[in-house]
Structure formats: structure tokens, C-alpha cells
Amino acid sequence: LLGFTHSTEAEWLQMFQKEKAVLDELSRRTGTRLQPLTRDLFG
């Protein structure tokens, strides 16, 4: 919804980094270990 996509490796990397940053912070606050949905898409 914020405009990130993962059609190419470059787009995926930007989206992956945003997703990972948000999920890392959420994991830190909640004691979980959340990983981005597309973590294995481009290696």
C-alpha cells in the first residue's frame, strides 16, 4: 500500500529492507522472531 513492490531484484531489496526493519522492531517490542514474507524470493 505504501508503494513497494518485488517484481525485480532491486525493487524486492527495497521492500525487503523496509519489511525487515518494521518486523525487527516489532519483534524487539513483542519478543517474537518475525521474518519478511519474501525473504527467499531473490536469495
PDB file of all heavy atoms in Angstrom:
ATOM      1  N   LEU A   1       0.825  -1.213   0.000  1.00  0.00           N
ATOM      2  CA  LEU A   1       0.000   0.000   0.000  1.00  0.00           C
ATOM      3  C   LEU A   1       0.855   1.258   0.000  1.00  0.00           C
ATOM      4  O   LEU A   1       0.429   2.307  -0.482  1.00  0.00           O
ATOM      5  CB  LEU A   1      -0.939   0.019   1.208  1.00  0.00           C
ATOM      6  CG  LEU A   1      -2.088  -0.975   1.188  1.00  0.00           C
ATOM      7  CD1 LEU A   1      -2.921  -0.841   2.462  1.00  0.00           C
ATOM      8  CD2 LEU A   1      -2.972  -0.781  -0.036  1.00  0.00           C
ATOM      9  N   LEU A   2       2.063   1.143   0.549  1.00  0.00           N
ATOM     10  CA  LEU A   2       2.980   2.286   0.572  1.00  0.00           C
ATOM     11  C   LEU A   2       3.775   2.427  -0.722  1.00  0.00           C
ATOM     12  O   LEU A   2       4.606   3.319  -0.856  1.00  0.00           O
ATOM     13  CB  LEU A   2       3.946   2.159   1.757  1.00  0.00           C
ATOM     14  CG  LEU A   2       3.271   2.338   3.116  1.00  0.00           C
ATOM     15  CD1 LEU A   2       4.214   1.912   4.229  1.00  0.00           C
ATOM     16  CD2 LEU A   2       2.843   3.789   3.303  1.00  0.00           C
ATOM     17  N   GLY A   3       3.524   1.523  -1.684  1.00  0.00           N
ATOM     18  CA  GLY A   3       4.148   1.641  -2.995  1.00  0.00           C
ATOM     19  C   GLY A   3       5.305   0.699  -3.248  1.00  0.00           C
ATOM     20  O   GLY A   3       5.894   0.718  -4.332  1.00  0.00           O
ATOM     21  N   PHE A   4       5.658  -0.131  -2.295  1.00  0.00           N
ATOM     22  CA  PHE A   4       6.748  -1.076  -2.504  1.00  0.00           C
ATOM     23  C   PHE A   4       6.260  -2.263  -3.320  1.00  0.00           C
ATOM     24  O   PHE A   4       5.113  -2.689  -3.200  1.00  0.00           O
ATOM     25  CB  PHE A   4       7.291  -1.584  -1.157  1.00  0.00           C
ATOM     26  CG  PHE A   4       8.013  -0.542  -0.367  1.00  0.00           C
ATOM     27  CD1 PHE A   4       7.348   0.194   0.597  1.00  0.00           C
ATOM     28  CD2 PHE A   4       9.356  -0.294  -0.585  1.00  0.00           C
ATOM     29  CE1 PHE A   4       8.008   1.158   1.335  1.00  0.00           C
ATOM     30  CE2 PHE A   4      10.035   0.666   0.152  1.00  0.00           C
ATOM     31  CZ  PHE A   4       9.353   1.398   1.110  1.00  0.00           C
ATOM     32  N   THR A   5       7.142  -2.796  -4.168  1.00  0.00           N
ATOM     33  CA  THR A   5       6.832  -3.983  -4.959  1.00  0.00           C
ATOM     34  C   THR A   5       8.044  -4.915  -4.915  1.00  0.00           C
ATOM     35  O   THR A   5       9.089  -4.557  -4.374  1.00  0.00           O
ATOM     36  CB  THR A   5       6.517  -3.634  -6.428  1.00  0.00           C
ATOM     37  OG1 THR A   5       7.679  -3.052  -7.025  1.00  0.00           O
ATOM     38  CG2 THR A   5       5.340  -2.693  -6.541  1.00  0.00           C
ATOM     39  N   HIS A   6       7.898  -6.085  -5.544  1.00  0.00           N
ATOM     40  CA  HIS A   6       9.017  -7.018  -5.597  1.00  0.00           C
ATOM     41  C   HIS A   6       9.076  -7.735  -6.940  1.00  0.00           C
ATOM     42  O   HIS A   6       9.331  -8.931  -7.028  1.00  0.00           O
ATOM     43  CB  HIS A   6       8.967  -8.014  -4.429  1.00  0.00           C
ATOM     44  CG  HIS A   6       7.611  -8.607  -4.162  1.00  0.00           C
ATOM     45  ND1 HIS A   6       7.065  -9.604  -4.932  1.00  0.00           N
ATOM     46  CD2 HIS A   6       6.707  -8.329  -3.204  1.00  0.00           C
ATOM     47  CE1 HIS A   6       5.874  -9.925  -4.456  1.00  0.00           C
ATOM     48  NE2 HIS A   6       5.629  -9.156  -3.401  1.00  0.00           N
ATOM     49  N   SER A   7       8.852  -6.957  -8.018  1.00  0.00           N
ATOM     50  CA  SER A   7       8.885  -7.527  -9.364  1.00  0.00           C
ATOM     51  C   SER A   7      10.308  -7.763  -9.856  1.00  0.00           C
ATOM     52  O   SER A   7      10.555  -8.681 -10.631  1.00  0.00           O
ATOM     53  CB  SER A   7       8.165  -6.603 -10.344  1.00  0.00           C
ATOM     54  OG  SER A   7       6.824  -6.443  -9.949  1.00  0.00           O
ATOM     55  N   THR A   8      11.221  -6.914  -9.434  1.00  0.00           N
ATOM     56  CA  THR A   8      12.623  -7.073  -9.808  1.00  0.00           C
ATOM     57  C   THR A   8      13.445  -7.219  -8.535  1.00  0.00           C
ATOM     58  O   THR A   8      12.976  -6.920  -7.434  1.00  0.00           O
ATOM     59  CB  THR A   8      13.147  -5.847 -10.586  1.00  0.00           C
ATOM     60  OG1 THR A   8      13.185  -4.718  -9.690  1.00  0.00           O
ATOM     61  CG2 THR A   8      12.279  -5.533 -11.794  1.00  0.00           C
ATOM     62  N   GLU A   9      14.684  -7.646  -8.685  1.00  0.00           N
ATOM     63  CA  GLU A   9      15.531  -7.814  -7.510  1.00  0.00           C
ATOM     64  C   GLU A   9      15.773  -6.489  -6.797  1.00  0.00           C
ATOM     65  O   GLU A   9      15.768  -6.424  -5.562  1.00  0.00           O
ATOM     66  CB  GLU A   9      16.860  -8.465  -7.887  1.00  0.00           C
ATOM     67  CG  GLU A   9      17.679  -8.831  -6.667  1.00  0.00           C
ATOM     68  CD  GLU A   9      18.860  -9.734  -6.975  1.00  0.00           C
ATOM     69  OE1 GLU A   9      19.045 -10.132  -8.135  1.00  0.00           O
ATOM     70  OE2 GLU A   9      19.601 -10.040  -6.024  1.00  0.00           O
ATOM     71  N   ALA A  10      15.947  -5.406  -7.559  1.00  0.00           N
ATOM     72  CA  ALA A  10      16.165  -4.090  -6.940  1.00  0.00           C
ATOM     73  C   ALA A  10      14.933  -3.632  -6.158  1.00  0.00           C
ATOM     74  O   ALA A  10      15.056  -3.126  -5.035  1.00  0.00           O
ATOM     75  CB  ALA A  10      16.527  -3.061  -8.015  1.00  0.00           C
ATOM     76  N   GLU A  11      13.750  -3.804  -6.738  1.00  0.00           N
ATOM     77  CA  GLU A  11      12.509  -3.444  -6.033  1.00  0.00           C
ATOM     78  C   GLU A  11      12.326  -4.322  -4.795  1.00  0.00           C
ATOM     79  O   GLU A  11      11.943  -3.853  -3.731  1.00  0.00           O
ATOM     80  CB  GLU A  11      11.299  -3.608  -6.956  1.00  0.00           C
ATOM     81  CG  GLU A  11      11.239  -2.600  -8.076  1.00  0.00           C
ATOM     82  CD  GLU A  11      10.125  -2.903  -9.057  1.00  0.00           C
ATOM     83  OE1 GLU A  11       9.574  -4.041  -9.037  1.00  0.00           O
ATOM     84  OE2 GLU A  11       9.791  -2.019  -9.861  1.00  0.00           O
ATOM     85  N   TRP A  12      12.605  -5.616  -4.966  1.00  0.00           N
ATOM     86  CA  TRP A  12      12.473  -6.544  -3.845  1.00  0.00           C
ATOM     87  C   TRP A  12      13.383  -6.131  -2.688  1.00  0.00           C
ATOM     88  O   TRP A  12      12.968  -6.160  -1.541  1.00  0.00           O
ATOM     89  CB  TRP A  12      12.805  -7.973  -4.283  1.00  0.00           C
ATOM     90  CG  TRP A  12      13.034  -8.885  -3.124  1.00  0.00           C
ATOM     91  CD1 TRP A  12      12.078  -9.492  -2.366  1.00  0.00           C
ATOM     92  CD2 TRP A  12      14.285  -9.252  -2.553  1.00  0.00           C
ATOM     93  NE1 TRP A  12      12.668 -10.235  -1.362  1.00  0.00           N
ATOM     94  CE2 TRP A  12      14.022 -10.098  -1.457  1.00  0.00           C
ATOM     95  CE3 TRP A  12      15.613  -8.953  -2.866  1.00  0.00           C
ATOM     96  CZ2 TRP A  12      15.032 -10.652  -0.677  1.00  0.00           C
ATOM     97  CZ3 TRP A  12      16.621  -9.499  -2.093  1.00  0.00           C
ATOM     98  CH2 TRP A  12      16.319 -10.333  -1.008  1.00  0.00           C
ATOM     99  N   LEU A  13      14.611  -5.747  -3.025  1.00  0.00           N
ATOM    100  CA  LEU A  13      15.565  -5.377  -1.979  1.00  0.00           C
ATOM    101  C   LEU A  13      15.052  -4.191  -1.163  1.00  0.00           C
ATOM    102  O   LEU A  13      15.125  -4.199   0.072  1.00  0.00           O
ATOM    103  CB  LEU A  13      16.932  -5.061  -2.579  1.00  0.00           C
ATOM    104  CG  LEU A  13      18.044  -4.781  -1.580  1.00  0.00           C
ATOM    105  CD1 LEU A  13      18.230  -5.956  -0.625  1.00  0.00           C
ATOM    106  CD2 LEU A  13      19.332  -4.474  -2.307  1.00  0.00           C
ATOM    107  N   GLN A  14      14.497  -3.188  -1.835  1.00  0.00           N
ATOM    108  CA  GLN A  14      13.940  -2.039  -1.117  1.00  0.00           C
ATOM    109  C   GLN A  14      12.779  -2.459  -0.222  1.00  0.00           C
ATOM    110  O   GLN A  14      12.689  -2.066   0.939  1.00  0.00           O
ATOM    111  CB  GLN A  14      13.458  -0.968  -2.095  1.00  0.00           C
ATOM    112  CG  GLN A  14      14.571  -0.225  -2.769  1.00  0.00           C
ATOM    113  CD  GLN A  14      14.022   0.845  -3.701  1.00  0.00           C
ATOM    114  OE1 GLN A  14      12.980   0.673  -4.339  1.00  0.00           O
ATOM    115  NE2 GLN A  14      14.725   1.953  -3.770  1.00  0.00           N
ATOM    116  N   MET A  15      11.874  -3.284  -0.769  1.00  0.00           N
ATOM    117  CA  MET A  15      10.719  -3.726   0.012  1.00  0.00           C
ATOM    118  C   MET A  15      11.169  -4.629   1.155  1.00  0.00           C
ATOM    119  O   MET A  15      10.692  -4.497   2.286  1.00  0.00           O
ATOM    120  CB  MET A  15       9.716  -4.455  -0.870  1.00  0.00           C
ATOM    121  CG  MET A  15       8.468  -4.892  -0.118  1.00  0.00           C
ATOM    122  SD  MET A  15       7.195  -5.407  -1.273  1.00  0.00           S
ATOM    123  CE  MET A  15       5.930  -5.933  -0.133  1.00  0.00           C
ATOM    124  N   PHE A  16      12.098  -5.532   0.871  1.00  0.00           N
ATOM    125  CA  PHE A  16      12.604  -6.442   1.892  1.00  0.00           C
ATOM    126  C   PHE A  16      13.214  -5.669   3.058  1.00  0.00           C
ATOM    127  O   PHE A  16      12.960  -5.970   4.224  1.00  0.00           O
ATOM    128  CB  PHE A  16      13.640  -7.390   1.279  1.00  0.00           C
ATOM    129  CG  PHE A  16      14.252  -8.339   2.269  1.00  0.00           C
ATOM    130  CD1 PHE A  16      13.587  -9.498   2.629  1.00  0.00           C
ATOM    131  CD2 PHE A  16      15.477  -8.060   2.845  1.00  0.00           C
ATOM    132  CE1 PHE A  16      14.146 -10.375   3.543  1.00  0.00           C
ATOM    133  CE2 PHE A  16      16.040  -8.937   3.768  1.00  0.00           C
ATOM    134  CZ  PHE A  16      15.376 -10.098   4.116  1.00  0.00           C
ATOM    135  N   GLN A  17      14.005  -4.643   2.734  1.00  0.00           N
ATOM    136  CA  GLN A  17      14.647  -3.851   3.789  1.00  0.00           C
ATOM    137  C   GLN A  17      13.614  -3.128   4.649  1.00  0.00           C
ATOM    138  O   GLN A  17      13.745  -3.063   5.868  1.00  0.00           O
ATOM    139  CB  GLN A  17      15.642  -2.859   3.181  1.00  0.00           C
ATOM    140  CG  GLN A  17      16.878  -3.546   2.646  1.00  0.00           C
ATOM    141  CD  GLN A  17      17.772  -2.628   1.846  1.00  0.00           C
ATOM    142  OE1 GLN A  17      17.370  -1.560   1.372  1.00  0.00           O
ATOM    143  NE2 GLN A  17      19.020  -3.046   1.674  1.00  0.00           N
ATOM    144  N   LYS A  18      12.567  -2.564   4.037  1.00  0.00           N
ATOM    145  CA  LYS A  18      11.512  -1.887   4.802  1.00  0.00           C
ATOM    146  C   LYS A  18      10.757  -2.893   5.663  1.00  0.00           C
ATOM    147  O   LYS A  18      10.541  -2.680   6.854  1.00  0.00           O
ATOM    148  CB  LYS A  18      10.549  -1.161   3.860  1.00  0.00           C
ATOM    149  CG  LYS A  18       9.351  -0.536   4.544  1.00  0.00           C
ATOM    150  CD  LYS A  18       9.713   0.419   5.666  1.00  0.00           C
ATOM    151  CE  LYS A  18      10.212   1.724   5.136  1.00  0.00           C
ATOM    152  NZ  LYS A  18      10.536   2.681   6.210  1.00  0.00           N
ATOM    153  N   GLU A  19      10.362  -4.006   5.057  1.00  0.00           N
ATOM    154  CA  GLU A  19       9.638  -5.036   5.794  1.00  0.00           C
ATOM    155  C   GLU A  19      10.466  -5.555   6.968  1.00  0.00           C
ATOM    156  O   GLU A  19       9.975  -5.704   8.083  1.00  0.00           O
ATOM    157  CB  GLU A  19       9.351  -6.219   4.857  1.00  0.00           C
ATOM    158  CG  GLU A  19       7.905  -6.559   4.701  1.00  0.00           C
ATOM    159  CD  GLU A  19       7.693  -7.725   3.760  1.00  0.00           C
ATOM    160  OE1 GLU A  19       8.094  -7.634   2.578  1.00  0.00           O
ATOM    161  OE2 GLU A  19       7.107  -8.720   4.205  1.00  0.00           O
ATOM    162  N   LYS A  20      11.752  -5.820   6.706  1.00  0.00           N
ATOM    163  CA  LYS A  20      12.634  -6.354   7.750  1.00  0.00           C
ATOM    164  C   LYS A  20      12.804  -5.357   8.882  1.00  0.00           C
ATOM    165  O   LYS A  20      12.762  -5.726  10.061  1.00  0.00           O
ATOM    166  CB  LYS A  20      13.986  -6.733   7.163  1.00  0.00           C
ATOM    167  CG  LYS A  20      14.916  -7.391   8.178  1.00  0.00           C
ATOM    168  CD  LYS A  20      15.991  -8.169   7.496  1.00  0.00           C
ATOM    169  CE  LYS A  20      16.983  -8.805   8.428  1.00  0.00           C
ATOM    170  NZ  LYS A  20      16.611  -9.020   9.793  1.00  0.00           N
ATOM    171  N   ALA A  21      12.970  -4.083   8.559  1.00  0.00           N
ATOM    172  CA  ALA A  21      13.140  -3.059   9.600  1.00  0.00           C
ATOM    173  C   ALA A  21      11.901  -2.996  10.501  1.00  0.00           C
ATOM    174  O   ALA A  21      12.011  -2.940  11.727  1.00  0.00           O
ATOM    175  CB  ALA A  21      13.413  -1.701   8.963  1.00  0.00           C
ATOM    176  N   VAL A  22      10.736  -3.006   9.884  1.00  0.00           N
ATOM    177  CA  VAL A  22       9.487  -2.938  10.659  1.00  0.00           C
ATOM    178  C   VAL A  22       9.321  -4.202  11.496  1.00  0.00           C
ATOM    179  O   VAL A  22       9.012  -4.132  12.691  1.00  0.00           O
ATOM    180  CB  VAL A  22       8.282  -2.733   9.724  1.00  0.00           C
ATOM    181  CG1 VAL A  22       6.970  -2.890  10.478  1.00  0.00           C
ATOM    182  CG2 VAL A  22       8.354  -1.361   9.063  1.00  0.00           C
ATOM    183  N   LEU A  23       9.545  -5.366  10.891  1.00  0.00           N
ATOM    184  CA  LEU A  23       9.362  -6.619  11.621  1.00  0.00           C
ATOM    185  C   LEU A  23      10.416  -6.814  12.708  1.00  0.00           C
ATOM    186  O   LEU A  23      10.124  -7.380  13.765  1.00  0.00           O
ATOM    187  CB  LEU A  23       9.355  -7.799  10.651  1.00  0.00           C
ATOM    188  CG  LEU A  23       8.136  -7.851   9.725  1.00  0.00           C
ATOM    189  CD1 LEU A  23       8.317  -8.951   8.682  1.00  0.00           C
ATOM    190  CD2 LEU A  23       6.849  -8.037  10.492  1.00  0.00           C
ATOM    191  N   ASP A  24      11.645  -6.327  12.466  1.00  0.00           N
ATOM    192  CA  ASP A  24      12.687  -6.405  13.507  1.00  0.00           C
ATOM    193  C   ASP A  24      12.281  -5.586  14.727  1.00  0.00           C
ATOM    194  O   ASP A  24      12.436  -6.024  15.868  1.00  0.00           O
ATOM    195  CB  ASP A  24      14.034  -5.924  12.978  1.00  0.00           C
ATOM    196  CG  ASP A  24      14.729  -6.938  12.086  1.00  0.00           C
ATOM    197  OD1 ASP A  24      14.260  -8.095  11.999  1.00  0.00           O
ATOM    198  OD2 ASP A  24      15.746  -6.559  11.452  1.00  0.00           O
ATOM    199  N   GLU A  25      11.763  -4.390  14.476  1.00  0.00           N
ATOM    200  CA  GLU A  25      11.327  -3.535  15.585  1.00  0.00           C
ATOM    201  C   GLU A  25      10.127  -4.152  16.295  1.00  0.00           C
ATOM    202  O   GLU A  25      10.058  -4.164  17.534  1.00  0.00           O
ATOM    203  CB  GLU A  25      10.995  -2.131  15.088  1.00  0.00           C
ATOM    204  CG  GLU A  25      10.517  -1.187  16.172  1.00  0.00           C
ATOM    205  CD  GLU A  25      11.544  -0.913  17.266  1.00  0.00           C
ATOM    206  OE1 GLU A  25      12.746  -1.125  17.043  1.00  0.00           O
ATOM    207  OE2 GLU A  25      11.128  -0.475  18.365  1.00  0.00           O
ATOM    208  N   LEU A  26       9.207  -4.676  15.540  1.00  0.00           N
ATOM    209  CA  LEU A  26       8.044  -5.339  16.130  1.00  0.00           C
ATOM    210  C   LEU A  26       8.488  -6.560  16.944  1.00  0.00           C
ATOM    211  O   LEU A  26       8.010  -6.775  18.057  1.00  0.00           O
ATOM    212  CB  LEU A  26       7.059  -5.748  15.043  1.00  0.00           C
ATOM    213  CG  LEU A  26       5.772  -6.418  15.500  1.00  0.00           C
ATOM    214  CD1 LEU A  26       4.993  -5.515  16.444  1.00  0.00           C
ATOM    215  CD2 LEU A  26       4.925  -6.787  14.303  1.00  0.00           C
ATOM    216  N   SER A  27       9.413  -7.325  16.416  1.00  0.00           N
ATOM    217  CA  SER A  27       9.939  -8.489  17.138  1.00  0.00           C
ATOM    218  C   SER A  27      10.611  -8.065  18.436  1.00  0.00           C
ATOM    219  O   SER A  27      10.441  -8.706  19.475  1.00  0.00           O
ATOM    220  CB  SER A  27      10.946  -9.249  16.265  1.00  0.00           C
ATOM    221  OG  SER A  27      10.321  -9.818  15.144  1.00  0.00           O
ATOM    222  N   ARG A  28      11.371  -6.987  18.379  1.00  0.00           N
ATOM    223  CA  ARG A  28      12.042  -6.486  19.575  1.00  0.00           C
ATOM    224  C   ARG A  28      11.024  -6.094  20.642  1.00  0.00           C
ATOM    225  O   ARG A  28      11.189  -6.403  21.818  1.00  0.00           O
ATOM    226  CB  ARG A  28      12.917  -5.276  19.216  1.00  0.00           C
ATOM    227  CG  ARG A  28      13.778  -4.776  20.361  1.00  0.00           C
ATOM    228  CD  ARG A  28      14.521  -3.504  19.997  1.00  0.00           C
ATOM    229  NE  ARG A  28      13.661  -2.346  19.841  1.00  0.00           N
ATOM    230  CZ  ARG A  28      13.092  -1.684  20.858  1.00  0.00           C
ATOM    231  NH1 ARG A  28      13.286  -2.055  22.088  1.00  0.00           N
ATOM    232  NH2 ARG A  28      12.322  -0.635  20.620  1.00  0.00           N
ATOM    233  N   ARG A  29       9.953  -5.458  20.215  1.00  0.00           N
ATOM    234  CA  ARG A  29       8.938  -4.992  21.167  1.00  0.00           C
ATOM    235  C   ARG A  29       8.044  -6.101  21.709  1.00  0.00           C
ATOM    236  O   ARG A  29       7.485  -5.962  22.787  1.00  0.00           O
ATOM    237  CB  ARG A  29       8.052  -3.926  20.521  1.00  0.00           C
ATOM    238  CG  ARG A  29       8.783  -2.638  20.228  1.00  0.00           C
ATOM    239  CD  ARG A  29       7.845  -1.643  19.612  1.00  0.00           C
ATOM    240  NE  ARG A  29       8.537  -0.429  19.228  1.00  0.00           N
ATOM    241  CZ  ARG A  29       7.937   0.740  19.141  1.00  0.00           C
ATOM    242  NH1 ARG A  29       6.648   0.857  19.405  1.00  0.00           N
ATOM    243  NH2 ARG A  29       8.625   1.795  18.768  1.00  0.00           N
ATOM    244  N   THR A  30       7.889  -7.181  20.942  1.00  0.00           N
ATOM    245  CA  THR A  30       6.961  -8.232  21.350  1.00  0.00           C
ATOM    246  C   THR A  30       7.646  -9.538  21.724  1.00  0.00           C
ATOM    247  O   THR A  30       6.972 -10.488  22.137  1.00  0.00           O
ATOM    248  CB  THR A  30       5.930  -8.518  20.232  1.00  0.00           C
ATOM    249  OG1 THR A  30       6.633  -8.965  19.058  1.00  0.00           O
ATOM    250  CG2 THR A  30       5.099  -7.288  19.917  1.00  0.00           C
ATOM    251  N   GLY A  31       8.951  -9.623  21.550  1.00  0.00           N
ATOM    252  CA  GLY A  31       9.665 -10.854  21.891  1.00  0.00           C
ATOM    253  C   GLY A  31       9.455 -11.984  20.902  1.00  0.00           C
ATOM    254  O   GLY A  31       9.582 -13.151  21.249  1.00  0.00           O
ATOM    255  N   THR A  32       9.136 -11.644  19.654  1.00  0.00           N
ATOM    256  CA  THR A  32       8.938 -12.656  18.621  1.00  0.00           C
ATOM    257  C   THR A  32      10.111 -12.618  17.656  1.00  0.00           C
ATOM    258  O   THR A  32      11.030 -11.808  17.813  1.00  0.00           O
ATOM    259  CB  THR A  32       7.624 -12.407  17.859  1.00  0.00           C
ATOM    260  OG1 THR A  32       7.644 -11.082  17.333  1.00  0.00           O
ATOM    261  CG2 THR A  32       6.414 -12.591  18.754  1.00  0.00           C
ATOM    262  N   ARG A  33      10.087 -13.492  16.662  1.00  0.00           N
ATOM    263  CA  ARG A  33      11.122 -13.510  15.623  1.00  0.00           C
ATOM    264  C   ARG A  33      10.441 -13.516  14.262  1.00  0.00           C
ATOM    265  O   ARG A  33      10.366 -14.549  13.610  1.00  0.00           O
ATOM    266  CB  ARG A  33      12.023 -14.723  15.784  1.00  0.00           C
ATOM    267  CG  ARG A  33      12.862 -14.680  17.053  1.00  0.00           C
ATOM    268  CD  ARG A  33      13.798 -15.848  17.088  1.00  0.00           C
ATOM    269  NE  ARG A  33      14.479 -15.977  15.806  1.00  0.00           N
ATOM    270  CZ  ARG A  33      15.788 -15.936  15.654  1.00  0.00           C
ATOM    271  NH1 ARG A  33      16.556 -15.801  16.681  1.00  0.00           N
ATOM    272  NH2 ARG A  33      16.335 -16.061  14.462  1.00  0.00           N
ATOM    273  N   LEU A  34       9.928 -12.375  13.859  1.00  0.00           N
ATOM    274  CA  LEU A  34       9.182 -12.270  12.610  1.00  0.00           C
ATOM    275  C   LEU A  34      10.134 -12.025  11.444  1.00  0.00           C
ATOM    276  O   LEU A  34      11.058 -11.221  11.545  1.00  0.00           O
ATOM    277  CB  LEU A  34       8.171 -11.132  12.712  1.00  0.00           C
ATOM    278  CG  LEU A  34       7.183 -11.236  13.886  1.00  0.00           C
ATOM    279  CD1 LEU A  34       6.330  -9.990  13.976  1.00  0.00           C
ATOM    280  CD2 LEU A  34       6.333 -12.474  13.767  1.00  0.00           C
ATOM    281  N   GLN A  35       9.903 -12.712  10.340  1.00  0.00           N
ATOM    282  CA  GLN A  35      10.724 -12.585   9.138  1.00  0.00           C
ATOM    283  C   GLN A  35       9.863 -12.135   7.969  1.00  0.00           C
ATOM    284  O   GLN A  35       8.698 -12.531   7.861  1.00  0.00           O
ATOM    285  CB  GLN A  35      11.370 -13.935   8.796  1.00  0.00           C
ATOM    286  CG  GLN A  35      12.372 -14.407   9.812  1.00  0.00           C
ATOM    287  CD  GLN A  35      13.587 -13.502   9.854  1.00  0.00           C
ATOM    288  OE1 GLN A  35      14.112 -13.103   8.818  1.00  0.00           O
ATOM    289  NE2 GLN A  35      14.019 -13.134  11.044  1.00  0.00           N
ATOM    290  N   PRO A  36      10.429 -11.312   7.067  1.00  0.00           N
ATOM    291  CA  PRO A  36       9.653 -10.855   5.907  1.00  0.00           C
ATOM    292  C   PRO A  36       9.114 -12.014   5.071  1.00  0.00           C
ATOM    293  O   PRO A  36       9.752 -13.060   4.952  1.00  0.00           O
ATOM    294  CB  PRO A  36      10.669 -10.033   5.103  1.00  0.00           C
ATOM    295  CG  PRO A  36      11.650  -9.574   6.126  1.00  0.00           C
ATOM    296  CD  PRO A  36      11.753 -10.706   7.110  1.00  0.00           C
ATOM    297  N   LEU A  37       7.963 -11.783   4.508  1.00  0.00           N
ATOM    298  CA  LEU A  37       7.272 -12.796   3.718  1.00  0.00           C
ATOM    299  C   LEU A  37       8.093 -13.230   2.505  1.00  0.00           C
ATOM    300  O   LEU A  37       8.102 -14.394   2.144  1.00  0.00           O
ATOM    301  CB  LEU A  37       5.919 -12.224   3.266  1.00  0.00           C
ATOM    302  CG  LEU A  37       4.891 -13.174   2.712  1.00  0.00           C
ATOM    303  CD1 LEU A  37       4.508 -14.224   3.745  1.00  0.00           C
ATOM    304  CD2 LEU A  37       3.663 -12.412   2.275  1.00  0.00           C
ATOM    305  N   THR A  38       8.798 -12.309   1.875  1.00  0.00           N
ATOM    306  CA  THR A  38       9.524 -12.610   0.631  1.00  0.00           C
ATOM    307  C   THR A  38      11.014 -12.834   0.882  1.00  0.00           C
ATOM    308  O   THR A  38      11.814 -12.649  -0.018  1.00  0.00           O
ATOM    309  CB  THR A  38       9.356 -11.460  -0.384  1.00  0.00           C
ATOM    310  OG1 THR A  38       9.903 -10.265   0.190  1.00  0.00           O
ATOM    311  CG2 THR A  38       7.919 -11.264  -0.772  1.00  0.00           C
ATOM    312  N   ARG A  39      11.395 -13.270   2.063  1.00  0.00           N
ATOM    313  CA  ARG A  39      12.814 -13.368   2.418  1.00  0.00           C
ATOM    314  C   ARG A  39      13.618 -14.245   1.464  1.00  0.00           C
ATOM    315  O   ARG A  39      14.795 -14.032   1.282  1.00  0.00           O
ATOM    316  CB  ARG A  39      12.980 -13.833   3.853  1.00  0.00           C
ATOM    317  CG  ARG A  39      12.522 -15.234   4.119  1.00  0.00           C
ATOM    318  CD  ARG A  39      12.622 -15.588   5.601  1.00  0.00           C
ATOM    319  NE  ARG A  39      11.927 -16.819   5.899  1.00  0.00           N
ATOM    320  CZ  ARG A  39      10.655 -16.896   6.230  1.00  0.00           C
ATOM    321  NH1 ARG A  39       9.922 -15.814   6.295  1.00  0.00           N
ATOM    322  NH2 ARG A  39      10.093 -18.059   6.495  1.00  0.00           N
ATOM    323  N   ASP A  40      12.991 -15.235   0.836  1.00  0.00           N
ATOM    324  CA  ASP A  40      13.728 -16.140  -0.045  1.00  0.00           C
ATOM    325  C   ASP A  40      13.500 -15.865  -1.526  1.00  0.00           C
ATOM    326  O   ASP A  40      13.985 -16.613  -2.378  1.00  0.00           O
ATOM    327  CB  ASP A  40      13.329 -17.594   0.256  1.00  0.00           C
ATOM    328  CG  ASP A  40      13.704 -17.986   1.680  1.00  0.00           C
ATOM    329  OD1 ASP A  40      14.763 -17.554   2.160  1.00  0.00           O
ATOM    330  OD2 ASP A  40      12.910 -18.713   2.311  1.00  0.00           O
ATOM    331  N   LEU A  41      12.790 -14.801  -1.866  1.00  0.00           N
ATOM    332  CA  LEU A  41      12.412 -14.551  -3.254  1.00  0.00           C
ATOM    333  C   LEU A  41      13.620 -14.374  -4.172  1.00  0.00           C
ATOM    334  O   LEU A  41      13.687 -14.959  -5.240  1.00  0.00           O
ATOM    335  CB  LEU A  41      11.493 -13.323  -3.342  1.00  0.00           C
ATOM    336  CG  LEU A  41      10.878 -13.037  -4.691  1.00  0.00           C
ATOM    337  CD1 LEU A  41      10.003 -14.203  -5.146  1.00  0.00           C
ATOM    338  CD2 LEU A  41      10.057 -11.762  -4.647  1.00  0.00           C
ATOM    339  N   PHE A  42      14.587 -13.576  -3.766  1.00  0.00           N
ATOM    340  CA  PHE A  42      15.781 -13.354  -4.565  1.00  0.00           C
ATOM    341  C   PHE A  42      17.038 -13.743  -3.794  1.00  0.00           C
ATOM    342  O   PHE A  42      18.058 -13.079  -3.879  1.00  0.00           O
ATOM    343  CB  PHE A  42      15.889 -11.876  -4.997  1.00  0.00           C
ATOM    344  CG  PHE A  42      14.960 -11.511  -6.119  1.00  0.00           C
ATOM    345  CD1 PHE A  42      13.750 -10.902  -5.839  1.00  0.00           C
ATOM    346  CD2 PHE A  42      15.275 -11.772  -7.431  1.00  0.00           C
ATOM    347  CE1 PHE A  42      12.875 -10.550  -6.859  1.00  0.00           C
ATOM    348  CE2 PHE A  42      14.409 -11.431  -8.459  1.00  0.00           C
ATOM    349  CZ  PHE A  42      13.206 -10.814  -8.178  1.00  0.00           C
ATOM    350  N   GLY A  43      16.934 -14.773  -2.972  1.00  0.00           N
ATOM    351  CA  GLY A  43      18.105 -15.234  -2.226  1.00  0.00           C
ATOM    352  C   GLY A  43      18.348 -14.478  -0.941  1.00  0.00           C
ATOM    353  O   GLY A  43      19.483 -14.375  -0.481  1.00  0.00           O
TER     354      GLY A  43
END
